[in-house]
Every structure is written in structure tokens, then in C-alpha cells.
C-alpha atoms as a PDB file:
ATOM      1  CA  MET A   1       0.000   0.000   0.000  1.00  0.00           C
ATOM      2  CA  LEU A   2       1.190   3.499  -0.833  1.00  0.00           C
ATOM      3  CA  PRO A   3       2.341   5.478   2.268  1.00  0.00           C
ATOM      4  CA  PHE A   4       0.007   8.330   3.080  1.00  0.00           C
ATOM      5  CA  SER A   5       2.794  10.932   2.935  1.00  0.00           C
ATOM      6  CA  VAL A   6       3.623   9.992  -0.629  1.00  0.00           C
ATOM      7  CA  PHE A   7      -0.016   9.983  -1.571  1.00  0.00           C
ATOM      8  CA  TRP A   8      -0.596  13.355   0.074  1.00  0.00           C
ATOM      9  CA  ARG A   9       2.285  14.920  -1.789  1.00  0.00           C
ATOM     10  CA  HIS A  10       0.923  13.482  -5.032  1.00  0.00           C
ATOM     11  CA  HIS A  11      -2.511  14.830  -4.121  1.00  0.00           C
ATOM     12  CA  ARG A  12      -1.128  18.305  -3.537  1.00  0.00           C
ATOM     13  CA  GLU A  13       0.636  18.285  -6.899  1.00  0.00           C
ATOM     14  CA  GLN A  14      -2.388  16.989  -8.781  1.00  0.00           C
ATOM     15  CA  SER A  15      -4.888  19.329  -7.093  1.00  0.00           C
ATOM     16  CA  SER A  16      -3.169  22.336  -8.639  1.00  0.00           C
ATOM     17  CA  LEU A  17      -4.189  21.122 -12.093  1.00  0.00           C
ATOM     18  CA  TRP A  18      -7.812  21.881 -11.422  1.00  0.00           C
ATOM     19  CA  ALA A  19      -7.483  24.929  -9.139  1.00  0.00           C
ATOM     20  CA  GLY A  20      -8.614  27.308 -11.884  1.00  0.00           C
ATOM     21  CA  PRO A  21     -12.028  27.601 -13.503  1.00  0.00           C
ATOM     22  CA  PHE A  22     -13.203  24.861 -15.785  1.00  0.00           C
ATOM     23  CA  PRO A  23     -12.473  25.524 -19.454  1.00  0.00           C
ATOM     24  CA  GLN A  24     -15.136  26.924 -21.719  1.00  0.00           C
ATOM     25  CA  GLU A  25     -17.180  24.573 -23.828  1.00  0.00           C
ATOM     26  CA  PRO A  26     -15.051  23.426 -26.771  1.00  0.00           C
ATOM     27  CA  ALA A  27     -16.046  24.604 -30.167  1.00  0.00           C
ATOM     28  CA  SER A  28     -15.508  21.439 -32.171  1.00  0.00           C
ATOM     29  CA  LEU A  29     -17.772  18.422 -32.086  1.00  0.00           C
ATOM     30  CA  VAL A  30     -14.947  16.082 -30.960  1.00  0.00           C
ATOM     31  CA  ASP A  31     -13.895  18.445 -28.169  1.00  0.00           C
ATOM     32  CA  ARG A  32     -17.484  18.766 -26.903  1.00  0.00           C
ATOM     33  CA  ARG A  33     -17.996  15.005 -26.757  1.00  0.00           C
ATOM     34  CA  THR A  34     -14.668  14.503 -24.977  1.00  0.00           C
ATOM     35  CA  ALA A  35     -15.483  17.251 -22.494  1.00  0.00           C
ATOM     36  CA  GLN A  36     -18.847  15.613 -21.703  1.00  0.00           C
ATOM     37  CA  LEU A  37     -16.963  12.478 -20.630  1.00  0.00           C
ATOM     38  CA  VAL A  38     -13.915  13.973 -18.910  1.00  0.00           C
ATOM     39  CA  LEU A  39     -15.279  17.002 -17.066  1.00  0.00           C
ATOM     40  CA  PRO A  40     -17.734  15.127 -14.771  1.00  0.00           C
ATOM     41  CA  LEU A  41     -14.975  12.716 -13.786  1.00  0.00           C
ATOM     42  CA  ALA A  42     -12.625  15.604 -13.164  1.00  0.00           C
ATOM     43  CA  ARG A  43     -15.191  17.230 -10.880  1.00  0.00           C
ATOM     44  CA  THR A  44     -15.597  13.991  -8.928  1.00  0.00           C
ATOM     45  CA  VAL A  45     -11.877  13.553  -8.488  1.00  0.00           C
ATOM     46  CA  ARG A  46     -11.448  17.160  -7.410  1.00  0.00           C
ATOM     47  CA  GLU A  47     -14.248  16.965  -4.866  1.00  0.00           C
ATOM     48  CA  ALA A  48     -12.843  13.745  -3.456  1.00  0.00           C
ATOM     49  CA  LEU A  49      -9.418  15.300  -3.141  1.00  0.00           C
ATOM     50  CA  MET A  50     -10.741  18.475  -1.534  1.00  0.00           C
ATOM     51  CA  LYS A  51     -12.852  16.582   1.016  1.00  0.00           C
ATOM     52  CA  ARG A  52     -10.172  13.932   1.578  1.00  0.00           C
ATOM     53  CA  CYS A  53     -12.931  11.351   1.783  1.00  0.00           C
ATOM     54  CA  PHE A  54     -11.684   8.429  -0.187  1.00  0.00           C
ATOM     55  CA  ALA A  55     -10.067   5.096   0.391  1.00  0.00           C
ATOM     56  CA  PRO A  56      -6.709   4.330  -1.170  1.00  0.00           C
ATOM     57  CA  ALA A  57      -8.209   1.680  -3.468  1.00  0.00           C
ATOM     58  CA  THR A  58     -10.872   4.081  -4.616  1.00  0.00           C
ATOM     59  CA  LEU A  59      -8.212   6.654  -5.331  1.00  0.00           C
ATOM     60  CA  TRP A  60      -6.306   4.295  -7.570  1.00  0.00           C
ATOM     61  CA  VAL A  61      -9.460   3.397  -9.471  1.00  0.00           C
ATOM     62  CA  LEU A  62     -10.248   7.067  -9.984  1.00  0.00           C
ATOM     63  CA  PHE A  63      -6.763   7.789 -11.207  1.00  0.00           C
ATOM     64  CA  ALA A  64      -6.926   4.790 -13.627  1.00  0.00           C
ATOM     65  CA  LEU A  65     -10.221   6.024 -15.046  1.00  0.00           C
ATOM     66  CA  PHE A  66      -8.844   9.517 -15.347  1.00  0.00           C
ATOM     67  CA  ALA A  67      -5.793   8.204 -17.232  1.00  0.00           C
ATOM     68  CA  ALA A  68      -8.028   6.272 -19.631  1.00  0.00           C
ATOM     69  CA  PHE A  69     -10.119   9.343 -20.365  1.00  0.00           C
ATOM     70  CA  ALA A  70      -6.970  11.411 -20.794  1.00  0.00           C
ATOM     71  CA  ALA A  71      -5.749   8.949 -23.419  1.00  0.00           C
ATOM     72  CA  THR A  72      -9.124   9.172 -25.162  1.00  0.00           C
ATOM     73  CA  LEU A  73      -8.853  12.955 -25.087  1.00  0.00           C
ATOM     74  CA  ALA A  74      -5.370  12.786 -26.632  1.00  0.00           C
ATOM     75  CA  ARG A  75      -6.617  10.598 -29.452  1.00  0.00           C
ATOM     76  CA  ALA A  76      -9.570  12.915 -30.021  1.00  0.00           C
ATOM     77  CA  GLU A  77      -7.274  15.921 -30.188  1.00  0.00           C
ATOM     78  CA  SER A  78      -4.919  14.243 -32.683  1.00  0.00           C
ATOM     79  CA  PRO A  79      -5.577  15.463 -36.246  1.00  0.00           C
ATOM     80  CA  GLN A  80      -7.909  13.179 -38.183  1.00  0.00           C
ATOM     81  CA  GLN A  81      -7.359  12.660 -41.862  1.00  0.00           C
ATOM     82  CA  ALA A  82     -10.358  13.999 -43.693  1.00  0.00           C
ATOM     83  CA  PRO A  83     -11.893  11.684 -46.250  1.00  0.00           C
ATOM     84  CA  ALA A  84     -10.725  12.417 -49.712  1.00  0.00           C
ATOM     85  CA  THR A  85     -13.187  14.424 -51.708  1.00  0.00           C
ATOM     86  CA  PRO A  86     -13.006  14.934 -55.410  1.00  0.00           C
ATOM     87  CA  SER A  87     -11.427  18.259 -56.223  1.00  0.00           C
ATOM     88  CA  LEU A  88     -13.092  20.612 -58.616  1.00  0.00           C
ATOM     89  CA  SER A  89     -10.883  21.770 -61.433  1.00  0.00           C
ATOM     90  CA  THR A  90     -10.870  25.490 -62.039  1.00  0.00           C
ATOM     91  CA  ALA A  91      -9.084  25.171 -65.357  1.00  0.00           C
ATOM     92  CA  GLN A  92     -10.995  26.438 -68.365  1.00  0.00           C
ATOM     93  CA  PRO A  93     -11.894  23.855 -71.015  1.00  0.00           C
ATOM     94  CA  ALA A  94      -9.516  23.819 -73.915  1.00  0.00           C
ATOM     95  CA  PRO A  95     -10.849  25.682 -76.972  1.00  0.00           C
ATOM     96  CA  PRO A  96     -11.854  23.474 -79.891  1.00  0.00           C
ATOM     97  CA  ALA A  97      -9.130  22.795 -82.363  1.00  0.00           C
ATOM     98  CA  PRO A  98      -9.398  24.993 -85.460  1.00  0.00           C
ATOM     99  CA  ALA A  99     -10.706  23.319 -88.572  1.00  0.00           C
ATOM    100  CA  PRO A 100      -7.934  22.188 -90.867  1.00  0.00           C
ATOM    101  CA  ARG A 101      -7.270  24.668 -93.618  1.00  0.00           C
ATOM    102  CA  VAL A 102      -8.123  23.440 -97.072  1.00  0.00           C
ATOM    103  CA  ASP A 103      -5.887  24.881 -99.763  1.00  0.00           C
ATOM    104  CA  LEU A 104      -7.856  25.068-102.988  1.00  0.00           C
ATOM    105  CA  THR A 105      -6.032  24.703-106.248  1.00  0.00           C
ATOM    106  CA  PRO A 106      -5.994  27.718-108.575  1.00  0.00           C
ATOM    107  CA  GLU A 107      -8.299  25.918-111.001  1.00  0.00           C
ATOM    108  CA  ILE A 108     -10.908  25.218-108.325  1.00  0.00           C
ATOM    109  CA  ARG A 109     -10.716  28.832-107.155  1.00  0.00           C
ATOM    110  CA  GLY A 110     -11.256  29.892-110.749  1.00  0.00           C
ATOM    111  CA  ASP A 111     -14.267  27.595-111.083  1.00  0.00           C
ATOM    112  CA  LEU A 112     -15.803  29.068-107.923  1.00  0.00           C
ATOM    113  CA  ALA A 113     -15.237  32.592-109.204  1.00  0.00           C
ATOM    114  CA  MET A 114     -16.890  31.702-112.516  1.00  0.00           C
ATOM    115  CA  ALA A 115     -19.887  30.284-110.653  1.00  0.00           C
ATOM    116  CA  HIS A 116     -20.237  33.650-108.879  1.00  0.00           C
ATOM    117  CA  GLN A 117     -19.704  35.558-112.154  1.00  0.00           C
ATOM    118  CA  GLN A 118     -16.446  37.020-110.832  1.00  0.00           C
ATOM    119  CA  TYR A 119     -14.656  36.786-114.142  1.00  0.00           C
ATOM    120  CA  LEU A 120     -11.588  38.890-113.318  1.00  0.00           C
ATOM    121  CA  GLN A 121     -10.890  36.754-110.245  1.00  0.00           C
ATOM    122  CA  ALA A 122     -11.381  33.649-112.370  1.00  0.00           C
ATOM    123  CA  ILE A 123      -8.842  34.876-114.927  1.00  0.00           C
ATOM    124  CA  ASP A 124      -6.343  35.585-112.155  1.00  0.00           C
ATOM    125  CA  ALA A 125      -6.819  32.116-110.648  1.00  0.00           C
ATOM    126  CA  TYR A 126      -6.664  30.234-113.952  1.00  0.00           C
ATOM    127  CA  SER A 127      -3.526  32.135-114.955  1.00  0.00           C
ATOM    128  CA  GLN A 128      -1.717  30.717-111.901  1.00  0.00           C
ATOM    129  CA  VAL A 129      -2.042  27.125-113.128  1.00  0.00           C
ATOM    130  CA  PRO A 130       1.460  26.154-114.335  1.00  0.00           C
ATOM    131  CA  ASP A 131       0.586  23.367-116.785  1.00  0.00           C
ATOM    132  CA  LYS A 132      -2.544  24.437-118.614  1.00  0.00           C
ATOM    133  CA  THR A 133      -4.661  21.759-120.250  1.00  0.00           C
ATOM    134  CA  ALA A 134      -7.087  22.184-123.122  1.00  0.00           C
ATOM    135  CA  ALA A 135      -9.958  22.362-120.618  1.00  0.00           C
ATOM    136  CA  LEU A 136      -8.202  25.136-118.693  1.00  0.00           C
ATOM    137  CA  TRP A 137      -7.556  27.198-121.832  1.00  0.00           C
ATOM    138  CA  ASN A 138     -11.240  26.805-122.654  1.00  0.00           C
ATOM    139  CA  LYS A 139     -12.200  28.074-119.184  1.00  0.00           C
ATOM    140  CA  LEU A 140      -9.865  31.042-119.552  1.00  0.00           C
ATOM    141  CA  GLY A 141     -11.435  31.840-122.915  1.00  0.00           C
ATOM    142  CA  MET A 142     -14.922  31.719-121.412  1.00  0.00           C
ATOM    143  CA  ALA A 143     -13.919  34.138-118.643  1.00  0.00           C
ATOM    144  CA  TYR A 144     -12.643  36.627-121.246  1.00  0.00           C
ATOM    145  CA  HIS A 145     -15.715  35.923-123.403  1.00  0.00           C
ATOM    146  CA  HIS A 146     -18.055  36.952-120.558  1.00  0.00           C
ATOM    147  CA  LEU A 147     -16.076  40.193-120.274  1.00  0.00           C
ATOM    148  CA  PHE A 148     -16.533  40.766-124.034  1.00  0.00           C
ATOM    149  CA  ALA A 149     -12.765  40.523-124.565  1.00  0.00           C
ATOM    150  CA  MET A 150     -13.392  38.596-127.768  1.00  0.00           C
ATOM    151  CA  ASP A 151      -9.865  38.612-129.203  1.00  0.00           C
ATOM    152  CA  GLN A 152      -8.314  37.254-126.013  1.00  0.00           C
ATOM    153  CA  ALA A 153     -11.096  34.665-125.719  1.00  0.00           C
ATOM    154  CA  ARG A 154     -10.509  33.552-129.317  1.00  0.00           C
ATOM    155  CA  ARG A 155      -6.776  33.096-128.699  1.00  0.00           C
ATOM    156  CA  ASP A 156      -7.460  30.950-125.640  1.00  0.00           C
ATOM    157  CA  TYR A 157      -9.986  28.781-127.506  1.00  0.00           C
ATOM    158  CA  GLN A 158      -7.448  28.278-130.283  1.00  0.00           C
ATOM    159  CA  ARG A 159      -4.814  27.266-127.705  1.00  0.00           C
ATOM    160  CA  ALA A 160      -7.253  24.678-126.370  1.00  0.00           C
ATOM    161  CA  LEU A 161      -7.775  23.316-129.895  1.00  0.00           C
ATOM    162  CA  GLN A 162      -4.019  23.139-130.470  1.00  0.00           C
ATOM    163  CA  LEU A 163      -3.786  20.741-127.538  1.00  0.00           C
ATOM    164  CA  ARG A 164      -6.983  18.897-128.456  1.00  0.00           C
ATOM    165  CA  PRO A 165      -8.315  19.408-131.989  1.00  0.00           C
ATOM    166  CA  ASP A 166     -11.415  17.272-131.338  1.00  0.00           C
ATOM    167  CA  TYR A 167     -12.526  19.383-128.346  1.00  0.00           C
ATOM    168  CA  PRO A 168     -16.234  20.105-129.084  1.00  0.00           C
ATOM    169  CA  GLU A 169     -16.706  22.696-126.346  1.00  0.00           C
ATOM    170  CA  ALA A 170     -13.807  24.809-127.623  1.00  0.00           C
ATOM    171  CA  LEU A 171     -15.125  24.508-131.197  1.00  0.00           C
ATOM    172  CA  ASN A 172     -18.582  25.612-130.057  1.00  0.00           C
ATOM    173  CA  ASN A 173     -17.159  28.559-128.125  1.00  0.00           C
ATOM    174  CA  LEU A 174     -15.023  29.604-131.065  1.00  0.00           C
ATOM    175  CA  GLY A 175     -18.207  29.551-133.166  1.00  0.00           C
ATOM    176  CA  ALA A 176     -19.818  31.817-130.543  1.00  0.00           C
ATOM    177  CA  ILE A 177     -16.950  34.290-131.037  1.00  0.00           C
ATOM    178  CA  TYR A 178     -17.723  34.566-134.752  1.00  0.00           C
ATOM    179  CA  TYR A 179     -21.443  34.748-133.991  1.00  0.00           C
ATOM    180  CA  ALA A 180     -20.754  37.779-131.742  1.00  0.00           C
ATOM    181  CA  LYS A 181     -18.806  39.310-134.624  1.00  0.00           C
ATOM    182  CA  LYS A 182     -21.891  38.654-136.818  1.00  0.00           C
ATOM    183  CA  ASN A 183     -19.900  36.306-139.008  1.00  0.00           C
ATOM    184  CA  TYR A 184     -22.762  33.787-138.941  1.00  0.00           C
ATOM    185  CA  LYS A 185     -21.428  31.645-141.771  1.00  0.00           C
ATOM    186  CA  LYS A 186     -18.166  30.978-139.927  1.00  0.00           C
ATOM    187  CA  ALA A 187     -20.086  30.453-136.700  1.00  0.00           C
ATOM    188  CA  ILE A 188     -22.181  27.739-138.377  1.00  0.00           C
ATOM    189  CA  HIS A 189     -18.951  26.154-139.636  1.00  0.00           C
ATOM    190  CA  TYR A 190     -17.581  25.796-136.112  1.00  0.00           C
ATOM    191  CA  TYR A 191     -20.927  24.647-134.646  1.00  0.00           C
ATOM    192  CA  GLU A 192     -21.192  21.901-137.234  1.00  0.00           C
ATOM    193  CA  GLY A 193     -17.564  20.961-136.570  1.00  0.00           C
ATOM    194  CA  ALA A 194     -18.344  20.671-132.854  1.00  0.00           C
ATOM    195  CA  LEU A 195     -21.343  18.406-133.592  1.00  0.00           C
ATOM    196  CA  ARG A 196     -19.083  15.985-135.456  1.00  0.00           C
ATOM    197  CA  PHE A 197     -17.398  15.229-132.117  1.00  0.00           C
ATOM    198  CA  ALA A 198     -20.500  15.673-129.919  1.00  0.00           C
ATOM    199  CA  PRO A 199     -23.538  14.614-131.990  1.00  0.00           C
ATOM    200  CA  LYS A 200     -25.777  14.347-128.906  1.00  0.00           C
ATOM    201  CA  SER A 201     -25.136  17.854-127.601  1.00  0.00           C
ATOM    202  CA  ALA A 202     -28.441  19.709-127.347  1.00  0.00           C
ATOM    203  CA  PRO A 203     -26.817  23.100-126.501  1.00  0.00           C
ATOM    204  CA  ILE A 204     -24.644  23.007-129.639  1.00  0.00           C
ATOM    205  CA  TYR A 205     -27.684  22.200-131.796  1.00  0.00           C
ATOM    206  CA  SER A 206     -29.463  25.116-130.138  1.00  0.00           C
ATOM    207  CA  ASN A 207     -26.575  27.453-131.008  1.00  0.00           C
ATOM    208  CA  LEU A 208     -26.590  26.145-134.576  1.00  0.00           C
ATOM    209  CA  GLY A 209     -30.293  26.865-134.883  1.00  0.00           C
ATOM    210  CA  THR A 210     -29.788  30.380-133.552  1.00  0.00           C
ATOM    211  CA  ALA A 211     -27.040  31.007-136.127  1.00  0.00           C
ATOM    212  CA  TRP A 212     -29.335  29.795-138.933  1.00  0.00           C
ATOM    213  CA  PHE A 213     -32.071  32.127-137.709  1.00  0.00           C
ATOM    214  CA  ALA A 214     -29.577  34.996-137.619  1.00  0.00           C
ATOM    215  CA  ARG A 215     -28.819  34.320-141.293  1.00  0.00           C
ATOM    216  CA  GLY A 216     -32.520  34.405-142.048  1.00  0.00           C
ATOM    217  CA  LYS A 217     -32.671  30.665-142.721  1.00  0.00           C
ATOM    218  CA  VAL A 218     -35.804  29.669-140.824  1.00  0.00           C
ATOM    219  CA  GLU A 219     -36.158  26.041-141.937  1.00  0.00           C
ATOM    220  CA  PRO A 220     -32.653  24.833-141.005  1.00  0.00           C
ATOM    221  CA  GLY A 221     -33.007  26.862-137.824  1.00  0.00           C
ATOM    222  CA  ILE A 222     -36.245  25.078-136.901  1.00  0.00           C
ATOM    223  CA  GLU A 223     -34.686  21.727-137.758  1.00  0.00           C
ATOM    224  CA  ALA A 224     -31.696  22.390-135.483  1.00  0.00           C
ATOM    225  CA  TYR A 225     -34.040  23.516-132.714  1.00  0.00           C
ATOM    226  CA  ARG A 226     -36.171  20.430-133.170  1.00  0.00           C
ATOM    227  CA  THR A 227     -33.123  18.185-132.804  1.00  0.00           C
ATOM    228  CA  ALA A 228     -31.968  20.079-129.722  1.00  0.00           C
ATOM    229  CA  PHE A 229     -35.442  19.822-128.197  1.00  0.00           C
ATOM    230  CA  ALA A 230     -35.604  16.068-128.904  1.00  0.00           C
ATOM    231  CA  LEU A 231     -32.260  15.563-127.152  1.00  0.00           C
ATOM    232  CA  ASP A 232     -33.173  17.722-124.164  1.00  0.00           C
ATOM    233  CA  PRO A 233     -36.601  19.388-123.711  1.00  0.00           C
ATOM    234  CA  LYS A 234     -35.022  21.766-121.182  1.00  0.00           C
ATOM    235  CA  VAL A 235     -32.225  22.869-123.482  1.00  0.00           C
ATOM    236  CA  PHE A 236     -33.765  26.308-123.982  1.00  0.00           C
ATOM    237  CA  GLN A 237     -34.034  26.858-120.236  1.00  0.00           C
ATOM    238  CA  SER A 238     -30.505  26.011-119.093  1.00  0.00           C
ATOM    239  CA  GLY A 239     -26.954  26.203-120.351  1.00  0.00           C
ATOM    240  CA  SER A 240     -23.732  24.283-119.986  1.00  0.00           C
ATOM    241  CA  ALA A 241     -20.818  25.374-117.821  1.00  0.00           C
ATOM    242  CA  LEU A 242     -18.402  24.730-120.712  1.00  0.00           C
ATOM    243  CA  LEU A 243     -20.463  26.277-123.523  1.00  0.00           C
ATOM    244  CA  VAL A 244     -21.308  29.811-124.517  1.00  0.00           C
ATOM    245  CA  ASN A 245     -24.926  30.099-125.609  1.00  0.00           C
ATOM    246  CA  GLU A 246     -25.794  32.922-127.944  1.00  0.00           C
ATOM    247  CA  ALA A 247     -29.065  34.816-128.288  1.00  0.00           C
ATOM    248  CA  LEU A 248     -30.571  36.357-131.352  1.00  0.00           C
ATOM    249  CA  PRO A 249     -30.721  40.084-131.956  1.00  0.00           C
ATOM    250  CA  ALA A 250     -33.923  41.675-130.707  1.00  0.00           C
ATOM    251  CA  HIS A 251     -35.535  41.911-134.178  1.00  0.00           C
ATOM    252  CA  ASP A 252     -35.071  38.150-134.777  1.00  0.00           C
ATOM    253  CA  ARG A 253     -36.052  36.968-131.311  1.00  0.00           C
ATOM    254  CA  ALA A 254     -39.801  37.122-132.015  1.00  0.00           C
ATOM    255  CA  GLN A 255     -39.441  34.660-134.912  1.00  0.00           C
ATOM    256  CA  GLN A 256     -37.294  32.392-132.781  1.00  0.00           C
ATOM    257  CA  ASP A 257     -39.817  32.319-129.920  1.00  0.00           C
ATOM    258  CA  TYR A 258     -42.647  31.625-132.355  1.00  0.00           C
ATOM    259  CA  CYS A 259     -40.738  28.584-133.656  1.00  0.00           C
ATOM    260  CA  LEU A 260     -40.117  27.413-130.093  1.00  0.00           C
ATOM    261  CA  ALA A 261     -43.830  27.731-129.364  1.00  0.00           C
ATOM    262  CA  LYS A 262     -44.490  25.422-132.332  1.00  0.00           C
ATOM    263  CA  LEU A 263     -41.942  22.888-131.062  1.00  0.00           C
ATOM    264  CA  PHE A 264     -43.556  22.766-127.638  1.00  0.00           C
ATOM    265  CA  ALA A 265     -47.019  22.491-129.191  1.00  0.00           C
ATOM    266  CA  GLU A 266     -45.893  19.540-131.341  1.00  0.00           C
ATOM    267  CA  SER A 267     -44.705  17.715-128.217  1.00  0.00           C
ATOM    268  CA  GLY A 268     -47.952  18.396-126.361  1.00  0.00           C
ATOM    269  CA  LYS A 269     -46.411  20.846-123.891  1.00  0.00           C
ATOM    270  CA  ASN A 270     -49.143  23.461-124.188  1.00  0.00           C
ATOM    271  CA  GLU A 271     -48.119  25.469-121.147  1.00  0.00           C
ATOM    272  CA  GLU A 272     -44.606  26.064-122.526  1.00  0.00           C
ATOM    273  CA  ALA A 273     -46.046  26.685-126.013  1.00  0.00           C
ATOM    274  CA  ILE A 274     -48.317  29.432-124.653  1.00  0.00           C
ATOM    275  CA  GLU A 275     -45.377  30.953-122.799  1.00  0.00           C
ATOM    276  CA  TYR A 276     -43.190  31.208-125.909  1.00  0.00           C
ATOM    277  CA  LEU A 277     -46.107  32.382-128.029  1.00  0.00           C
ATOM    278  CA  ARG A 278     -46.700  35.187-125.546  1.00  0.00           C
ATOM    279  CA  LYS A 279     -43.001  36.087-125.729  1.00  0.00           C
ATOM    280  CA  ALA A 280     -43.174  36.167-129.532  1.00  0.00           C
ATOM    281  CA  LEU A 281     -46.178  38.511-129.463  1.00  0.00           C
ATOM    282  CA  ASP A 282     -44.572  40.738-126.827  1.00  0.00           C
ATOM    283  CA  GLU A 283     -41.385  40.976-128.935  1.00  0.00           C
ATOM    284  CA  GLY A 284     -43.231  42.116-132.027  1.00  0.00           C
ATOM    285  CA  PHE A 285     -44.516  39.025-133.842  1.00  0.00           C
ATOM    286  CA  THR A 286     -47.454  40.522-135.765  1.00  0.00           C
ATOM    287  CA  ASP A 287     -48.598  37.753-138.137  1.00  0.00           C
ATOM    288  CA  ARG A 288     -51.831  36.886-136.324  1.00  0.00           C
ATOM    289  CA  ARG A 289     -53.203  35.097-139.388  1.00  0.00           C
ATOM    290  CA  LYS A 290     -50.271  32.678-139.276  1.00  0.00           C
ATOM    291  CA  ILE A 291     -51.000  31.969-135.617  1.00  0.00           C
ATOM    292  CA  LEU A 292     -54.670  31.217-136.369  1.00  0.00           C
ATOM    293  CA  GLU A 293     -53.958  29.045-139.442  1.00  0.00           C
ATOM    294  CA  ASP A 294     -50.752  27.192-138.526  1.00  0.00           C
ATOM    295  CA  GLN A 295     -51.636  23.498-138.252  1.00  0.00           C
ATOM    296  CA  THR A 296     -48.895  22.941-135.722  1.00  0.00           C
ATOM    297  CA  LEU A 297     -50.844  25.141-133.302  1.00  0.00           C
ATOM    298  CA  ALA A 298     -54.231  23.490-134.010  1.00  0.00           C
ATOM    299  CA  SER A 299     -54.392  21.660-130.672  1.00  0.00           C
ATOM    300  CA  LEU A 300     -53.182  24.745-128.850  1.00  0.00           C
ATOM    301  CA  ARG A 301     -55.973  26.891-130.269  1.00  0.00           C
ATOM    302  CA  THR A 302     -58.610  24.724-128.527  1.00  0.00           C
ATOM    303  CA  THR A 303     -57.325  25.566-125.044  1.00  0.00           C
ATOM    304  CA  PRO A 304     -58.791  28.354-122.877  1.00  0.00           C
ATOM    305  CA  GLU A 305     -55.244  29.683-122.321  1.00  0.00           C
ATOM    306  CA  PHE A 306     -54.915  30.372-126.035  1.00  0.00           C
ATOM    307  CA  ALA A 307     -58.262  32.189-126.126  1.00  0.00           C
ATOM    308  CA  GLN A 308     -57.246  34.292-123.137  1.00  0.00           C
ATOM    309  CA  LEU A 309     -53.906  35.137-124.803  1.00  0.00           C
ATOM    310  CA  MET A 310     -55.639  36.269-127.983  1.00  0.00           C
ATOM    311  CA  THR A 311     -58.089  38.363-125.949  1.00  0.00           C
ATOM    312  CA  GLU A 312     -55.197  40.050-124.136  1.00  0.00           C
ATOM    313  CA  GLN A 313     -53.581  40.884-127.467  1.00  0.00           C
ATOM    314  CA  LYS A 314     -56.765  42.421-128.779  1.00  0.00           C
ATOM    315  CA  VAL A 315     -57.023  44.653-125.739  1.00  0.00           C
ATOM    316  CA  ARG A 316     -53.516  45.870-126.446  1.00  0.00           C
END
């Protein structure tokens, strides 16, 4: 058993630990729970020491309990590792990669410029092609042709034919040059030459018919138009990207549209026939007797659209 003098000295040393006021309530949850367990025991021990009313065995038990709670307090006060939480990135998302640059060839850039009727830009682009083919010389000629630079266009068409003498598009376009110069005989020569290499080309037959009409040759003109129409009923509504289509002078256009009205009437396309007949009348076609007696227009004259058209013309 521990001598009382030793115990008393130990009591005096330990009693000074609790001489002051009890600490304030801890702020953290762990500290509050620990305080709820330790502080009542500390009060009990202090009261027992102050009153000196305890047995030695009881004192040892109290000190053992106090030591256990002190160890619990030490573990509670040791830093706990917080559970890992996913961190939020503050980095900005990477911008999308720029689209790869597509470098167009000079010929493609020229084709795009032609499609937008930017003929000077087309000439500049085509001129940058180092090894020019017959097709490229033809495109260059068409760009100059649209700018009414006929001499330069003719030279480029001839360069295309030097590389490829059987090039029907270049032959047709060269015929269009002579048509613009009102040399209709030479134009017909080149159109017919083009048809030898492209006998199924509706646009070239259309140009040939126009040249015959310009020379005042109605029958061969109608025949060429009829062939063009048989090959492609839409030939008079659209053109080719590689061909230059020519139009008649204003004083011959009425006769041309009248012939087209007959072609559409022959094929049973009354709506288109009425349209071209109206164009012919608006452009100065004055032979009303021919309209009323032409057997090609017999079926057209039975339609209400024809009667309405004739009524409109009378009002005028």
C-alpha cells in the first residue's frame, strides 16, 4: 500500500491542475464530446481530493479512469485525416481545335469565281495554273468571253484546240466568237464541226439553230431547234458550264420564240407553247393570221389559255 505521505504529496501536486475555472465549452464536435466524458470525472476527483474522503483503493481506481479518459482525449485531439473528396478543377476547357485549312487549287478557285460571275478573279486564278490543259484554256477563254474581250477569248480557244483538236466545247465557243462578230457563216462552220465530235449535244444544236435564224434561214433553224429539243426538252431553259450560248438580236427573237412555241405544241407541252407564243407577241410578232392558221398550233388553239392570250392581245 502506498504510504500516506507519498499519496498526500501526489494529491497536492495533482490538485493544482484543477485549481482554476473549468475551461469553456469546446467549439468542435470532438472536443465537446470529450469534455462531456472527462469534465464530470474531473469534478468527482477534485471533490474527493478536496474533502479527503476516499479510500486508497478508490483513489487508484479514480486515477486509472482519469488516465483512460486522458488517453481518449489525446486521441480525439490528434488530427484526423479527412476523407478524400473529389477536387473541382478550375481550369478552363480547352478551346476546340481549329478546322484544318483546305488549300484550294488555282483551277478550283477559278471555277468558284466563274460560278459567282467574278470573271476577273477567275482569270487571275486560272492564270496561276502552271501546266494548262485544253480544258483550262477553254475556261480562260470563257472568262474573257463573258467580259466581251473577244480577241483574247478567241486566242485561248485556239490554244485549247491546239492541244486537243477534237474538243467540241472549244469549237462551239469559237463559233460563238464569230457569232458575236456577226460572221454567222463561220459560226455555223464551227458549230457543225463541234457536232461531229458531240452529236448528242443539245446546246450546240441550239446554237446552230440560232445562227441559222440569224442568217434568215428559218427552216434549217427550226430543224436544229427540233433536234436540240428532242435531245433535251429543257435545253432552252438552261446552259452548260463549258459552252457559250448565244441569243438572237432583238428583231429576230420574235421569230425564234414563235418557232419554239411550235416545237412545244408539237410535243404536247401546251403550257410552254403558250409561254413562248406570248413572248413572240410581246417581242413584235405581228402575223396573227399565221398563228390562227398554222396546223402545228391546231391543238393549242382549242385551249382556254390560247383564247385568253388572244383576248389580251386584242385589248392591247
